[in-house]
PDB file of N, CA and C in Angstrom:
ATOM      1  N   MET A   1      19.462 -85.342 137.498  1.00  0.00           N
ATOM      2  CA  MET A   1      20.772 -85.326 138.129  1.00  0.00           C
ATOM      3  C   MET A   1      21.869 -85.113 137.087  1.00  0.00           C
ATOM      4  N   GLU A   2      21.704 -85.767 135.918  1.00  0.00           N
ATOM      5  CA  GLU A   2      22.731 -85.639 134.889  1.00  0.00           C
ATOM      6  C   GLU A   2      22.791 -84.232 134.323  1.00  0.00           C
ATOM      7  N   ILE A   3      21.642 -83.555 134.236  1.00  0.00           N
ATOM      8  CA  ILE A   3      21.630 -82.193 133.694  1.00  0.00           C
ATOM      9  C   ILE A   3      22.326 -81.241 134.664  1.00  0.00           C
ATOM     10  N   LEU A   4      22.068 -81.401 135.945  1.00  0.00           N
ATOM     11  CA  LEU A   4      22.762 -80.575 136.941  1.00  0.00           C
ATOM     12  C   LEU A   4      24.263 -80.823 136.908  1.00  0.00           C
ATOM     13  N   LEU A   5      24.655 -82.085 136.758  1.00  0.00           N
ATOM     14  CA  LEU A   5      26.075 -82.425 136.676  1.00  0.00           C
ATOM     15  C   LEU A   5      26.706 -81.825 135.417  1.00  0.00           C
ATOM     16  N   ALA A   6      25.972 -81.840 134.305  1.00  0.00           N
ATOM     17  CA  ALA A   6      26.486 -81.246 133.062  1.00  0.00           C
ATOM     18  C   ALA A   6      26.667 -79.740 133.203  1.00  0.00           C
ATOM     19  N   ILE A   7      25.748 -79.081 133.879  1.00  0.00           N
ATOM     20  CA  ILE A   7      25.868 -77.627 134.088  1.00  0.00           C
ATOM     21  C   ILE A   7      27.064 -77.315 134.979  1.00  0.00           C
ATOM     22  N   VAL A   8      27.255 -78.094 136.030  1.00  0.00           N
ATOM     23  CA  VAL A   8      28.391 -77.882 136.931  1.00  0.00           C
ATOM     24  C   VAL A   8      29.708 -78.128 136.197  1.00  0.00           C
ATOM     25  N   ILE A   9      29.760 -79.197 135.387  1.00  0.00           N
ATOM     26  CA  ILE A   9      30.980 -79.504 134.630  1.00  0.00           C
ATOM     27  C   ILE A   9      31.284 -78.387 133.643  1.00  0.00           C
ATOM     28  N   GLY A  10      30.260 -77.894 132.936  1.00  0.00           N
ATOM     29  CA  GLY A  10      30.458 -76.791 132.000  1.00  0.00           C
ATOM     30  C   GLY A  10      30.931 -75.532 132.694  1.00  0.00           C
ATOM     31  N   GLY A  11      30.366 -75.250 133.863  1.00  0.00           N
ATOM     32  CA  GLY A  11      30.793 -74.074 134.626  1.00  0.00           C
ATOM     33  C   GLY A  11      32.235 -74.193 135.102  1.00  0.00           C
ATOM     34  N   LEU A  12      32.611 -75.394 135.548  1.00  0.00           N
ATOM     35  CA  LEU A  12      33.991 -75.588 135.999  1.00  0.00           C
ATOM     36  C   LEU A  12      34.975 -75.475 134.840  1.00  0.00           C
ATOM     37  N   TYR A  13      34.626 -76.063 133.689  1.00  0.00           N
ATOM     38  CA  TYR A  13      35.516 -75.954 132.525  1.00  0.00           C
ATOM     39  C   TYR A  13      35.645 -74.507 132.063  1.00  0.00           C
ATOM     40  N   SER A  14      34.522 -73.798 131.982  1.00  0.00           N
ATOM     41  CA  SER A  14      34.593 -72.418 131.494  1.00  0.00           C
ATOM     42  C   SER A  14      35.359 -71.519 132.456  1.00  0.00           C
ATOM     43  N   SER A  15      35.126 -71.665 133.758  1.00  0.00           N
ATOM     44  CA  SER A  15      35.870 -70.833 134.703  1.00  0.00           C
ATOM     45  C   SER A  15      37.340 -71.241 134.762  1.00  0.00           C
ATOM     46  N   GLY A  16      37.625 -72.532 134.590  1.00  0.00           N
ATOM     47  CA  GLY A  16      39.011 -72.976 134.571  1.00  0.00           C
ATOM     48  C   GLY A  16      39.773 -72.426 133.374  1.00  0.00           C
ATOM     49  N   PHE A  17      39.146 -72.477 132.181  1.00  0.00           N
ATOM     50  CA  PHE A  17      39.796 -71.909 130.991  1.00  0.00           C
ATOM     51  C   PHE A  17      39.939 -70.397 131.111  1.00  0.00           C
ATOM     52  N   TYR A  18      38.927 -69.744 131.679  1.00  0.00           N
ATOM     53  CA  TYR A  18      39.004 -68.294 131.858  1.00  0.00           C
ATOM     54  C   TYR A  18      40.171 -67.923 132.769  1.00  0.00           C
ATOM     55  N   LEU A  19      40.311 -68.638 133.886  1.00  0.00           N
ATOM     56  CA  LEU A  19      41.390 -68.329 134.821  1.00  0.00           C
ATOM     57  C   LEU A  19      42.760 -68.666 134.234  1.00  0.00           C
ATOM     58  N   MET A  20      42.833 -69.687 133.377  1.00  0.00           N
ATOM     59  CA  MET A  20      44.118 -70.030 132.778  1.00  0.00           C
ATOM     60  C   MET A  20      44.567 -69.001 131.748  1.00  0.00           C
ATOM     61  N   MET A  21      43.643 -68.203 131.230  1.00  0.00           N
ATOM     62  CA  MET A  21      44.008 -67.174 130.256  1.00  0.00           C
ATOM     63  C   MET A  21      44.365 -65.838 130.913  1.00  0.00           C
ATOM     64  N   ARG A  22      44.287 -65.746 132.214  1.00  0.00           N
ATOM     65  CA  ARG A  22      44.654 -64.520 132.922  1.00  0.00           C
ATOM     66  C   ARG A  22      46.166 -64.391 132.975  1.00  0.00           C
ATOM     67  N   ARG A  23      46.640 -63.227 133.387  1.00  0.00           N
ATOM     68  CA  ARG A  23      48.074 -62.958 133.392  1.00  0.00           C
ATOM     69  C   ARG A  23      48.768 -63.401 134.663  1.00  0.00           C
ATOM     70  N   SER A  24      48.053 -63.720 135.688  1.00  0.00           N
ATOM     71  CA  SER A  24      48.646 -64.088 136.967  1.00  0.00           C
ATOM     72  C   SER A  24      48.903 -65.594 137.032  1.00  0.00           C
ATOM     73  N   ILE A  25      50.051 -65.964 137.602  1.00  0.00           N
ATOM     74  CA  ILE A  25      50.378 -67.383 137.737  1.00  0.00           C
ATOM     75  C   ILE A  25      49.449 -68.039 138.763  1.00  0.00           C
ATOM     76  N   VAL A  26      49.057 -67.300 139.797  1.00  0.00           N
ATOM     77  CA  VAL A  26      48.150 -67.853 140.811  1.00  0.00           C
ATOM     78  C   VAL A  26      46.811 -68.216 140.177  1.00  0.00           C
ATOM     79  N   LYS A  27      46.298 -67.346 139.327  1.00  0.00           N
ATOM     80  CA  LYS A  27      45.040 -67.638 138.638  1.00  0.00           C
ATOM     81  C   LYS A  27      45.193 -68.805 137.677  1.00  0.00           C
ATOM     82  N   LEU A  28      46.368 -68.936 137.075  1.00  0.00           N
ATOM     83  CA  LEU A  28      46.633 -70.059 136.194  1.00  0.00           C
ATOM     84  C   LEU A  28      46.592 -71.376 136.968  1.00  0.00           C
ATOM     85  N   ILE A  29      47.167 -71.396 138.156  1.00  0.00           N
ATOM     86  CA  ILE A  29      47.164 -72.613 138.978  1.00  0.00           C
ATOM     87  C   ILE A  29      45.751 -72.939 139.445  1.00  0.00           C
ATOM     88  N   ILE A  30      44.984 -71.932 139.839  1.00  0.00           N
ATOM     89  CA  ILE A  30      43.594 -72.167 140.254  1.00  0.00           C
ATOM     90  C   ILE A  30      42.774 -72.689 139.074  1.00  0.00           C
ATOM     91  N   GLY A  31      43.012 -72.152 137.881  1.00  0.00           N
ATOM     92  CA  GLY A  31      42.338 -72.656 136.684  1.00  0.00           C
ATOM     93  C   GLY A  31      42.701 -74.100 136.396  1.00  0.00           C
ATOM     94  N   LEU A  32      43.957 -74.457 136.609  1.00  0.00           N
ATOM     95  CA  LEU A  32      44.394 -75.839 136.431  1.00  0.00           C
ATOM     96  C   LEU A  32      43.687 -76.766 137.414  1.00  0.00           C
ATOM     97  N   ILE A  33      43.527 -76.306 138.643  1.00  0.00           N
ATOM     98  CA  ILE A  33      42.824 -77.100 139.655  1.00  0.00           C
ATOM     99  C   ILE A  33      41.360 -77.289 139.259  1.00  0.00           C
ATOM    100  N   LEU A  34      40.716 -76.222 138.778  1.00  0.00           N
ATOM    101  CA  LEU A  34      39.314 -76.325 138.363  1.00  0.00           C
ATOM    102  C   LEU A  34      39.149 -77.266 137.173  1.00  0.00           C
ATOM    103  N   LEU A  35      40.102 -77.235 136.243  1.00  0.00           N
ATOM    104  CA  LEU A  35      40.035 -78.158 135.109  1.00  0.00           C
ATOM    105  C   LEU A  35      40.166 -79.608 135.564  1.00  0.00           C
ATOM    106  N   GLY A  36      41.006 -79.851 136.560  1.00  0.00           N
ATOM    107  CA  GLY A  36      41.143 -81.201 137.094  1.00  0.00           C
ATOM    108  C   GLY A  36      39.861 -81.696 137.740  1.00  0.00           C
ATOM    109  N   HIS A  37      39.212 -80.827 138.503  1.00  0.00           N
ATOM    110  CA  HIS A  37      37.948 -81.217 139.137  1.00  0.00           C
ATOM    111  C   HIS A  37      36.850 -81.436 138.086  1.00  0.00           C
ATOM    112  N   ALA A  38      36.834 -80.593 137.060  1.00  0.00           N
ATOM    113  CA  ALA A  38      35.833 -80.758 135.999  1.00  0.00           C
ATOM    114  C   ALA A  38      36.035 -82.074 135.263  1.00  0.00           C
ATOM    115  N   THR A  39      37.280 -82.444 135.024  1.00  0.00           N
ATOM    116  CA  THR A  39      37.559 -83.707 134.344  1.00  0.00           C
ATOM    117  C   THR A  39      37.154 -84.898 135.204  1.00  0.00           C
ATOM    118  N   ASN A  40      37.391 -84.816 136.504  1.00  0.00           N
ATOM    119  CA  ASN A  40      36.963 -85.895 137.397  1.00  0.00           C
ATOM    120  C   ASN A  40      35.448 -86.049 137.381  1.00  0.00           C
ATOM    121  N   LEU A  41      34.722 -84.933 137.406  1.00  0.00           N
ATOM    122  CA  LEU A  41      33.261 -85.019 137.346  1.00  0.00           C
ATOM    123  C   LEU A  41      32.787 -85.535 135.992  1.00  0.00           C
ATOM    124  N   LEU A  42      33.516 -85.200 134.928  1.00  0.00           N
ATOM    125  CA  LEU A  42      33.144 -85.698 133.600  1.00  0.00           C
ATOM    126  C   LEU A  42      33.306 -87.213 133.528  1.00  0.00           C
ATOM    127  N   ILE A  43      34.404 -87.726 134.056  1.00  0.00           N
ATOM    128  CA  ILE A  43      34.598 -89.178 134.089  1.00  0.00           C
ATOM    129  C   ILE A  43      33.516 -89.833 134.936  1.00  0.00           C
ATOM    130  N   PHE A  44      33.172 -89.206 136.043  1.00  0.00           N
ATOM    131  CA  PHE A  44      32.128 -89.741 136.917  1.00  0.00           C
ATOM    132  C   PHE A  44      30.777 -89.789 136.210  1.00  0.00           C
ATOM    133  N   SER A  45      30.451 -88.748 135.450  1.00  0.00           N
ATOM    134  CA  SER A  45      29.149 -88.718 134.778  1.00  0.00           C
ATOM    135  C   SER A  45      29.112 -89.639 133.565  1.00  0.00           C
ATOM    136  N   VAL A  46      30.251 -89.863 132.917  1.00  0.00           N
ATOM    137  CA  VAL A  46      30.283 -90.788 131.779  1.00  0.00           C
ATOM    138  C   VAL A  46      30.026 -92.213 132.258  1.00  0.00           C
ATOM    139  N   GLY A  47      30.447 -92.522 133.473  1.00  0.00           N
ATOM    140  CA  GLY A  47      30.226 -93.849 134.040  1.00  0.00           C
ATOM    141  C   GLY A  47      28.809 -94.067 134.530  1.00  0.00           C
ATOM    142  N   ARG A  48      27.895 -93.202 134.159  1.00  0.00           N
ATOM    143  CA  ARG A  48      26.477 -93.264 134.522  1.00  0.00           C
ATOM    144  C   ARG A  48      26.276 -93.200 136.032  1.00  0.00           C
ATOM    145  N   VAL A  49      25.593 -92.167 136.453  1.00  0.00           N
ATOM    146  CA  VAL A  49      25.291 -91.988 137.865  1.00  0.00           C
ATOM    147  C   VAL A  49      24.108 -92.895 138.198  1.00  0.00           C
ATOM    148  N   VAL A  50      24.402 -93.972 138.896  1.00  0.00           N
ATOM    149  CA  VAL A  50      23.373 -94.958 139.251  1.00  0.00           C
ATOM    150  C   VAL A  50      23.466 -95.217 140.736  1.00  0.00           C
ATOM    151  N   ARG A  51      22.330 -95.159 141.377  1.00  0.00           N
ATOM    152  CA  ARG A  51      22.280 -95.533 142.783  1.00  0.00           C
ATOM    153  C   ARG A  51      21.987 -97.016 142.827  1.00  0.00           C
ATOM    154  N   GLY A  52      23.041 -97.801 142.932  1.00  0.00           N
ATOM    155  CA  GLY A  52      22.852 -99.248 142.864  1.00  0.00           C
ATOM    156  C   GLY A  52      23.695 -99.982 143.877  1.00  0.00           C
ATOM    157  N   ASP A  53      23.664-101.287 143.743  1.00  0.00           N
ATOM    158  CA  ASP A  53      24.407-102.155 144.646  1.00  0.00           C
ATOM    159  C   ASP A  53      25.866-102.251 144.209  1.00  0.00           C
ATOM    160  N   PRO A  54      26.732-102.704 145.097  1.00  0.00           N
ATOM    161  CA  PRO A  54      28.109-102.937 144.665  1.00  0.00           C
ATOM    162  C   PRO A  54      28.152-104.075 143.640  1.00  0.00           C
ATOM    163  N   PRO A  55      29.111-104.040 142.717  1.00  0.00           N
ATOM    164  CA  PRO A  55      29.150-105.048 141.653  1.00  0.00           C
ATOM    165  C   PRO A  55      29.720-106.386 142.134  1.00  0.00           C
ATOM    166  N   LEU A  56      28.977-107.045 142.991  1.00  0.00           N
ATOM    167  CA  LEU A  56      29.389-108.345 143.500  1.00  0.00           C
ATOM    168  C   LEU A  56      28.374-109.391 143.080  1.00  0.00           C
ATOM    169  N   ILE A  57      28.858-110.549 142.638  1.00  0.00           N
ATOM    170  CA  ILE A  57      27.967-111.648 142.234  1.00  0.00           C
ATOM    171  C   ILE A  57      27.819-112.585 143.428  1.00  0.00           C
ATOM    172  N   SER A  58      26.574-112.793 143.828  1.00  0.00           N
ATOM    173  CA  SER A  58      26.336-113.695 144.961  1.00  0.00           C
ATOM    174  C   SER A  58      26.566-115.149 144.521  1.00  0.00           C
ATOM    175  N   PRO A  59      26.819-116.041 145.464  1.00  0.00           N
ATOM    176  CA  PRO A  59      27.146-117.430 145.097  1.00  0.00           C
ATOM    177  C   PRO A  59      26.017-118.165 144.368  1.00  0.00           C
ATOM    178  N   GLU A  60      24.767-117.777 144.593  1.00  0.00           N
ATOM    179  CA  GLU A  60      23.673-118.489 143.942  1.00  0.00           C
ATOM    180  C   GLU A  60      23.334-117.941 142.558  1.00  0.00           C
ATOM    181  N   GLU A  61      23.964-116.860 142.139  1.00  0.00           N
ATOM    182  CA  GLU A  61      23.713-116.276 140.820  1.00  0.00           C
ATOM    183  C   GLU A  61      24.893-116.511 139.891  1.00  0.00           C
ATOM    184  N   LEU A  62      24.598-116.474 138.578  1.00  0.00           N
ATOM    185  CA  LEU A  62      25.660-116.650 137.589  1.00  0.00           C
ATOM    186  C   LEU A  62      26.086-115.339 136.946  1.00  0.00           C
ATOM    187  N   VAL A  63      25.170-114.380 136.900  1.00  0.00           N
ATOM    188  CA  VAL A  63      25.482-113.081 136.289  1.00  0.00           C
ATOM    189  C   VAL A  63      25.139-111.973 137.275  1.00  0.00           C
ATOM    190  N   LEU A  64      25.635-110.811 136.955  1.00  0.00           N
ATOM    191  CA  LEU A  64      25.394-109.638 137.786  1.00  0.00           C
ATOM    192  C   LEU A  64      24.026-109.059 137.461  1.00  0.00           C
ATOM    193  N   THR A  65      23.221-108.803 138.478  1.00  0.00           N
ATOM    194  CA  THR A  65      21.881-108.261 138.243  1.00  0.00           C
ATOM    195  C   THR A  65      21.896-106.747 138.398  1.00  0.00           C
ATOM    196  N   PRO A  66      21.306-106.032 137.432  1.00  0.00           N
ATOM    197  CA  PRO A  66      21.260-104.566 137.542  1.00  0.00           C
ATOM    198  C   PRO A  66      20.251-104.146 138.603  1.00  0.00           C
ATOM    199  N   PRO A  67      20.305-102.972 139.155  1.00  0.00           N
ATOM    200  CA  PRO A  67      21.291-101.913 138.948  1.00  0.00           C
ATOM    201  C   PRO A  67      22.517-102.131 139.810  1.00  0.00           C
ATOM    202  N   PHE A  68      23.675-101.894 139.229  1.00  0.00           N
ATOM    203  CA  PHE A  68      24.922-101.989 139.970  1.00  0.00           C
ATOM    204  C   PHE A  68      25.829-100.831 139.574  1.00  0.00           C
ATOM    205  N   ALA A  69      26.696-100.457 140.474  1.00  0.00           N
ATOM    206  CA  ALA A  69      27.618 -99.344 140.235  1.00  0.00           C
ATOM    207  C   ALA A  69      28.838 -99.849 139.474  1.00  0.00           C
ATOM    208  N   ASP A  70      29.258 -99.075 138.478  1.00  0.00           N
ATOM    209  CA  ASP A  70      30.427 -99.433 137.688  1.00  0.00           C
ATOM    210  C   ASP A  70      31.686 -99.006 138.443  1.00  0.00           C
ATOM    211  N   PRO A  71      32.581 -99.932 138.796  1.00  0.00           N
ATOM    212  CA  PRO A  71      33.752 -99.553 139.589  1.00  0.00           C
ATOM    213  C   PRO A  71      34.880 -98.919 138.775  1.00  0.00           C
ATOM    214  N   LEU A  72      34.876 -99.050 137.452  1.00  0.00           N
ATOM    215  CA  LEU A  72      35.979 -98.528 136.651  1.00  0.00           C
ATOM    216  C   LEU A  72      36.086 -97.005 136.698  1.00  0.00           C
ATOM    217  N   PRO A  73      34.987 -96.246 136.508  1.00  0.00           N
ATOM    218  CA  PRO A  73      35.130 -94.791 136.633  1.00  0.00           C
ATOM    219  C   PRO A  73      35.564 -94.354 138.023  1.00  0.00           C
ATOM    220  N   GLN A  74      35.132 -95.063 139.031  1.00  0.00           N
ATOM    221  CA  GLN A  74      35.543 -94.713 140.390  1.00  0.00           C
ATOM    222  C   GLN A  74      37.043 -94.922 140.578  1.00  0.00           C
ATOM    223  N   ALA A  75      37.579 -95.992 140.016  1.00  0.00           N
ATOM    224  CA  ALA A  75      39.017 -96.231 140.107  1.00  0.00           C
ATOM    225  C   ALA A  75      39.796 -95.199 139.294  1.00  0.00           C
ATOM    226  N   LEU A  76      39.285 -94.832 138.123  1.00  0.00           N
ATOM    227  CA  LEU A  76      39.950 -93.813 137.306  1.00  0.00           C
ATOM    228  C   LEU A  76      39.954 -92.460 138.006  1.00  0.00           C
ATOM    229  N   ILE A  77      38.841 -92.109 138.636  1.00  0.00           N
ATOM    230  CA  ILE A  77      38.758 -90.834 139.340  1.00  0.00           C
ATOM    231  C   ILE A  77      39.712 -90.816 140.531  1.00  0.00           C
ATOM    232  N   LEU A  78      39.797 -91.911 141.248  1.00  0.00           N
ATOM    233  CA  LEU A  78      40.714 -91.979 142.389  1.00  0.00           C
ATOM    234  C   LEU A  78      42.157 -91.786 141.930  1.00  0.00           C
ATOM    235  N   THR A  79      42.517 -92.417 140.819  1.00  0.00           N
ATOM    236  CA  THR A  79      43.855 -92.242 140.265  1.00  0.00           C
ATOM    237  C   THR A  79      44.066 -90.811 139.792  1.00  0.00           C
ATOM    238  N   ALA A  80      43.056 -90.228 139.153  1.00  0.00           N
ATOM    239  CA  ALA A  80      43.166 -88.856 138.660  1.00  0.00           C
ATOM    240  C   ALA A  80      43.288 -87.850 139.804  1.00  0.00           C
ATOM    241  N   ILE A  81      42.640 -88.113 140.921  1.00  0.00           N
ATOM    242  CA  ILE A  81      42.745 -87.218 142.077  1.00  0.00           C
ATOM    243  C   ILE A  81      44.182 -87.215 142.603  1.00  0.00           C
ATOM    244  N   VAL A  82      44.784 -88.391 142.704  1.00  0.00           N
ATOM    245  CA  VAL A  82      46.157 -88.482 143.205  1.00  0.00           C
ATOM    246  C   VAL A  82      47.121 -87.789 142.241  1.00  0.00           C
ATOM    247  N   ILE A  83      46.964 -88.023 140.950  1.00  0.00           N
ATOM    248  CA  ILE A  83      47.826 -87.372 139.959  1.00  0.00           C
ATOM    249  C   ILE A  83      47.590 -85.868 139.967  1.00  0.00           C
ATOM    250  N   GLY A  84      46.343 -85.445 140.106  1.00  0.00           N
ATOM    251  CA  GLY A  84      46.027 -84.019 140.165  1.00  0.00           C
ATOM    252  C   GLY A  84      46.674 -83.330 141.347  1.00  0.00           C
ATOM    253  N   PHE A  85      46.679 -83.988 142.510  1.00  0.00           N
ATOM    254  CA  PHE A  85      47.348 -83.403 143.672  1.00  0.00           C
ATOM    255  C   PHE A  85      48.847 -83.267 143.431  1.00  0.00           C
ATOM    256  N   GLY A  86      49.438 -84.245 142.757  1.00  0.00           N
ATOM    257  CA  GLY A  86      50.858 -84.156 142.439  1.00  0.00           C
ATOM    258  C   GLY A  86      51.163 -83.004 141.499  1.00  0.00           C
ATOM    259  N   VAL A  87      50.333 -82.822 140.472  1.00  0.00           N
ATOM    260  CA  VAL A  87      50.520 -81.717 139.532  1.00  0.00           C
ATOM    261  C   VAL A  87      50.312 -80.377 140.228  1.00  0.00           C
ATOM    262  N   GLN A  88      49.312 -80.301 141.096  1.00  0.00           N
ATOM    263  CA  GLN A  88      49.062 -79.057 141.823  1.00  0.00           C
ATOM    264  C   GLN A  88      50.222 -78.717 142.752  1.00  0.00           C
ATOM    265  N   ALA A  89      50.755 -79.710 143.439  1.00  0.00           N
ATOM    266  CA  ALA A  89      51.890 -79.460 144.332  1.00  0.00           C
ATOM    267  C   ALA A  89      53.105 -78.996 143.532  1.00  0.00           C
ATOM    268  N   PHE A  90      53.348 -79.627 142.375  1.00  0.00           N
ATOM    269  CA  PHE A  90      54.466 -79.210 141.530  1.00  0.00           C
ATOM    270  C   PHE A  90      54.269 -77.789 141.027  1.00  0.00           C
ATOM    271  N   ALA A  91      53.051 -77.449 140.619  1.00  0.00           N
ATOM    272  CA  ALA A  91      52.778 -76.104 140.104  1.00  0.00           C
ATOM    273  C   ALA A  91      52.952 -75.056 141.201  1.00  0.00           C
ATOM    274  N   ILE A  92      52.542 -75.364 142.423  1.00  0.00           N
ATOM    275  CA  ILE A  92      52.690 -74.406 143.526  1.00  0.00           C
ATOM    276  C   ILE A  92      54.165 -74.204 143.868  1.00  0.00           C
ATOM    277  N   VAL A  93      54.941 -75.287 143.881  1.00  0.00           N
ATOM    278  CA  VAL A  93      56.375 -75.159 144.151  1.00  0.00           C
ATOM    279  C   VAL A  93      57.060 -74.394 143.020  1.00  0.00           C
ATOM    280  N   LEU A  94      56.671 -74.659 141.789  1.00  0.00           N
ATOM    281  CA  LEU A  94      57.235 -73.937 140.650  1.00  0.00           C
ATOM    282  C   LEU A  94      56.885 -72.455 140.726  1.00  0.00           C
ATOM    283  N   PHE A  95      55.655 -72.143 141.100  1.00  0.00           N
ATOM    284  CA  PHE A  95      55.264 -70.739 141.267  1.00  0.00           C
ATOM    285  C   PHE A  95      56.080 -70.066 142.361  1.00  0.00           C
ATOM    286  N   ASN A  96      56.285 -70.762 143.451  1.00  0.00           N
ATOM    287  CA  ASN A  96      57.060 -70.206 144.556  1.00  0.00           C
ATOM    288  C   ASN A  96      58.481 -69.887 144.103  1.00  0.00           C
ATOM    289  N   ARG A  97      59.096 -70.775 143.346  1.00  0.00           N
ATOM    290  CA  ARG A  97      60.463 -70.551 142.860  1.00  0.00           C
ATOM    291  C   ARG A  97      60.508 -69.391 141.869  1.00  0.00           C
ATOM    292  N   VAL A  98      59.547 -69.304 140.982  1.00  0.00           N
ATOM    293  CA  VAL A  98      59.503 -68.202 140.027  1.00  0.00           C
ATOM    294  C   VAL A  98      59.301 -66.880 140.757  1.00  0.00           C
ATOM    295  N   TYR A  99      58.434 -66.868 141.733  1.00  0.00           N
ATOM    296  CA  TYR A  99      58.190 -65.628 142.481  1.00  0.00           C
ATOM    297  C   TYR A  99      59.423 -65.197 143.267  1.00  0.00           C
ATOM    298  N   GLN A 100      60.179 -66.155 143.809  1.00  0.00           N
ATOM    299  CA  GLN A 100      61.397 -65.807 144.538  1.00  0.00           C
ATOM    300  C   GLN A 100      62.444 -65.181 143.628  1.00  0.00           C
ATOM    301  N   SER A 101      62.538 -65.650 142.407  1.00  0.00           N
ATOM    302  CA  SER A 101      63.578 -65.136 141.523  1.00  0.00           C
ATOM    303  C   SER A 101      63.153 -63.895 140.752  1.00  0.00           C
ATOM    304  N   VAL A 102      61.869 -63.751 140.412  1.00  0.00           N
ATOM    305  CA  VAL A 102      61.423 -62.643 139.569  1.00  0.00           C
ATOM    306  C   VAL A 102      60.716 -61.557 140.381  1.00  0.00           C
ATOM    307  N   ARG A 103      60.135 -61.908 141.516  1.00  0.00           N
ATOM    308  CA  ARG A 103      59.387 -60.990 142.389  1.00  0.00           C
ATOM    309  C   ARG A 103      58.113 -60.449 141.764  1.00  0.00           C
ATOM    310  N   THR A 104      57.494 -61.211 140.876  1.00  0.00           N
ATOM    311  CA  THR A 104      56.197 -60.845 140.319  1.00  0.00           C
ATOM    312  C   THR A 104      55.470 -62.120 139.907  1.00  0.00           C
ATOM    313  N   ASP A 105      54.144 -62.029 139.857  1.00  0.00           N
ATOM    314  CA  ASP A 105      53.376 -63.176 139.368  1.00  0.00           C
ATOM    315  C   ASP A 105      52.715 -62.886 138.032  1.00  0.00           C
ATOM    316  N   ASP A 106      53.078 -61.762 137.420  1.00  0.00           N
ATOM    317  CA  ASP A 106      52.542 -61.385 136.119  1.00  0.00           C
ATOM    318  C   ASP A 106      53.304 -62.121 135.023  1.00  0.00           C
ATOM    319  N   LEU A 107      52.576 -62.884 134.208  1.00  0.00           N
ATOM    320  CA  LEU A 107      53.223 -63.664 133.159  1.00  0.00           C
ATOM    321  C   LEU A 107      53.847 -62.781 132.084  1.00  0.00           C
ATOM    322  N   ASP A 108      53.291 -61.602 131.830  1.00  0.00           N
ATOM    323  CA  ASP A 108      53.853 -60.713 130.826  1.00  0.00           C
ATOM    324  C   ASP A 108      55.145 -60.044 131.315  1.00  0.00           C
ATOM    325  N   ALA A 109      55.315 -59.925 132.617  1.00  0.00           N
ATOM    326  CA  ALA A 109      56.515 -59.297 133.167  1.00  0.00           C
ATOM    327  C   ALA A 109      57.700 -60.257 133.204  1.00  0.00           C
ATOM    328  N   ILE A 110      57.433 -61.545 133.070  1.00  0.00           N
ATOM    329  CA  ILE A 110      58.510 -62.538 133.075  1.00  0.00           C
ATOM    330  C   ILE A 110      58.996 -62.698 131.634  1.00  0.00           C
ATOM    331  N   HIS A 111      60.148 -62.090 131.329  1.00  0.00           N
ATOM    332  CA  HIS A 111      60.650 -62.113 129.963  1.00  0.00           C
ATOM    333  C   HIS A 111      61.746 -63.138 129.758  1.00  0.00           C
ATOM    334  N   SER A 112      62.545 -63.351 130.766  1.00  0.00           N
ATOM    335  CA  SER A 112      63.717 -64.189 130.578  1.00  0.00           C
ATOM    336  C   SER A 112      63.990 -64.976 131.854  1.00  0.00           C
ATOM    337  N   THR A 113      64.704 -66.053 131.714  1.00  0.00           N
ATOM    338  CA  THR A 113      65.087 -66.823 132.879  1.00  0.00           C
ATOM    339  C   THR A 113      66.417 -66.357 133.436  1.00  0.00           C
ATOM    340  N   GLU A 114      67.111 -65.499 132.711  1.00  0.00           N
ATOM    341  CA  GLU A 114      68.400 -64.999 133.181  1.00  0.00           C
ATOM    342  C   GLU A 114      68.192 -63.843 134.157  1.00  0.00           C
ATOM    343  N   THR A 115      68.993 -63.832 135.196  1.00  0.00           N
ATOM    344  CA  THR A 115      68.929 -62.729 136.158  1.00  0.00           C
ATOM    345  C   THR A 115      69.970 -61.696 135.796  1.00  0.00           C
ATOM    346  N   SER A 116      69.645 -60.441 136.033  1.00  0.00           N
ATOM    347  CA  SER A 116      70.599 -59.381 135.683  1.00  0.00           C
ATOM    348  C   SER A 116      71.277 -58.796 136.879  1.00  0.00           C
TER     349      SER A 116
END
């Protein structure tokens, strides 16, 4: 399972970096989204993929018995998803404003912020 997850993470990172190096702002935003998803999967895989019980200690036990799921990566991923949606929404609104003023999505064609 970890090897498949590593291949998927590598594919998402490579395609995200590839799209971010393109000249189109739309491709840049899609690359940013792919990088966010790859980072979430990386955090998930670092927290060890374990099919276990919730990390709750029963009243008759003193310590947690393995296997149990680590809740910290899950909380970090949930926070990262919310922040990622905020960044994506900001990037889409920024793209919309740039397209309205410049009428192109080519990064090389955008030379100045001043209108003539």
